[in-house]
């Protein structure tokens, strides 16, 4: 059920129909499969870099809020008592969730 085996099966079926050099055909298939595996690894490396950036950018507001709360709790307690700041904080959280969702969709894809 793997794509590599399906490639092999198709290669053998074509070889059986057309004839020719089986060793050369299988060498070409091996080259294609090697390049495909290299491409998968390259894409995985590039997407993991994007995921790390997304984690850092996504956690930064929470980290900064925690630091402000630690240093000056009176400054940030307005977000828990004043209605306008609560609405602003919820709006920011919604936009943050939308951004995280979009970033997750951008880096998760199938080859």
Protein backbone atom coordinates (compact mmCIF):
# COMPACT_ATOMS: atom_id res chain seq x y z
CA UNK A 1 0.00 0.00 0.00
CA UNK A 2 2.99 2.34 0.04
CA UNK A 3 3.57 4.74 -2.86
CA UNK A 4 7.05 3.29 -3.43
CA UNK A 5 5.65 -0.18 -3.98
CA UNK A 6 2.98 1.21 -6.31
CA UNK A 7 5.75 2.91 -8.34
CA UNK A 8 7.56 -0.43 -8.48
CA UNK A 9 4.41 -2.22 -9.57
CA UNK A 10 3.71 0.31 -12.32
CA UNK A 11 7.32 0.13 -13.48
CA UNK A 12 7.16 -3.66 -13.77
CA UNK A 13 3.82 -3.50 -15.60
CA UNK A 14 5.18 -0.98 -18.12
CA UNK A 15 8.36 -3.01 -18.51
CA UNK A 16 6.37 -6.15 -19.19
CA UNK A 17 4.31 -4.37 -21.89
CA UNK A 18 7.10 -2.50 -23.63
CA UNK A 19 10.15 -4.66 -23.00
CA UNK A 20 13.68 -3.27 -22.88
CA UNK A 21 16.39 -3.23 -20.28
CA UNK A 22 14.91 -4.17 -16.89
CA UNK A 23 18.08 -3.25 -14.98
CA UNK A 24 18.10 0.27 -16.44
CA UNK A 25 14.40 0.74 -15.70
CA UNK A 26 14.86 -0.37 -12.09
CA UNK A 27 17.94 1.87 -11.73
CA UNK A 28 15.86 4.83 -12.93
CA UNK A 29 13.11 3.91 -10.47
CA UNK A 30 15.65 3.69 -7.65
CA UNK A 31 16.98 7.14 -8.59
CA UNK A 32 13.48 8.62 -8.59
CA UNK A 33 12.68 7.06 -5.21
CA UNK A 34 15.97 8.30 -3.70
CA UNK A 35 15.31 11.85 -4.94
CA UNK A 36 11.77 11.67 -3.60
CA UNK A 37 13.04 10.62 -0.16
CA UNK A 38 15.59 13.46 -0.19
CA UNK A 39 12.84 15.92 -1.08
CA UNK A 40 10.70 14.67 1.80
CA UNK A 41 13.58 15.21 4.23
CA UNK A 42 14.26 18.68 2.85
CA UNK A 43 10.59 19.66 3.16
CA UNK A 44 10.46 18.25 6.70
CA UNK A 45 13.50 20.33 7.67
CA UNK A 46 12.05 23.50 6.16
CA UNK A 47 8.65 23.00 7.75
CA UNK A 48 10.19 22.27 11.17
CA UNK A 49 11.95 25.63 10.99
CA UNK A 50 8.60 27.28 10.29
CA UNK A 51 6.97 25.35 13.14
CA UNK A 52 9.65 26.52 15.57
CA UNK A 53 9.10 30.11 14.46
CA UNK A 54 5.34 29.67 14.90
CA UNK A 55 5.81 28.32 18.42
CA UNK A 56 8.05 31.24 19.35
CA UNK A 57 5.74 33.87 17.85
CA UNK A 58 2.68 32.20 19.38
CA UNK A 59 4.12 31.97 22.87
CA UNK A 60 5.65 35.44 22.94
CA UNK A 61 2.47 37.35 24.00
CA UNK A 62 1.90 34.93 26.89
CA UNK A 63 5.53 35.16 27.95
CA UNK A 64 5.48 38.98 27.86
CA UNK A 65 2.18 39.09 29.76
CA UNK A 66 3.59 36.77 32.42
CA UNK A 67 6.72 38.89 32.76
CA UNK A 68 4.67 42.09 33.08
CA UNK A 69 2.45 40.40 35.65
CA UNK A 70 5.54 39.37 37.62
CA UNK A 71 7.16 42.81 37.46
CA UNK A 72 4.08 45.07 37.79
CA UNK A 73 0.82 43.22 38.59
CA UNK A 74 -1.19 46.45 38.96
CA UNK A 75 -0.48 47.35 35.34
CA UNK A 76 -1.97 44.17 33.92
CA UNK A 77 -4.84 43.59 36.36
CA UNK A 78 -6.93 46.04 34.34
CA UNK A 79 -7.43 43.23 31.81
CA UNK A 80 -9.35 41.35 34.50
CA UNK A 81 -11.42 44.21 35.88
CA UNK A 82 -12.19 46.78 33.17
CA UNK A 83 -14.75 45.66 30.55
CA UNK A 84 -13.10 47.45 27.60
CA UNK A 85 -9.77 45.80 28.31
CA UNK A 86 -11.46 42.40 28.69
CA UNK A 87 -13.06 42.79 25.25
CA UNK A 88 -9.73 43.94 23.80
CA UNK A 89 -7.93 40.99 25.38
CA UNK A 90 -10.52 38.53 24.04
CA UNK A 91 -10.30 40.10 20.59
CA UNK A 92 -6.53 39.77 20.68
CA UNK A 93 -6.84 36.13 21.77
CA UNK A 94 -9.24 35.41 18.89
CA UNK A 95 -6.89 37.00 16.35
CA UNK A 96 -3.98 35.11 17.89
CA UNK A 97 -5.89 31.82 17.55
CA UNK A 98 -6.70 32.61 13.91
CA UNK A 99 -3.03 33.36 13.24
CA UNK A 100 -1.89 30.13 14.91
CA UNK A 101 -4.47 28.17 12.89
CA UNK A 102 -3.29 29.72 9.61
CA UNK A 103 0.38 29.12 10.46
CA UNK A 104 -0.37 25.49 11.34
CA UNK A 105 -2.16 25.00 8.01
CA UNK A 106 0.76 26.58 6.14
CA UNK A 107 3.40 24.21 7.52
CA UNK A 108 1.38 20.96 7.56
CA UNK A 109 1.06 19.47 4.09
CA UNK A 110 1.45 16.12 2.43
CA UNK A 111 3.98 15.32 -0.25
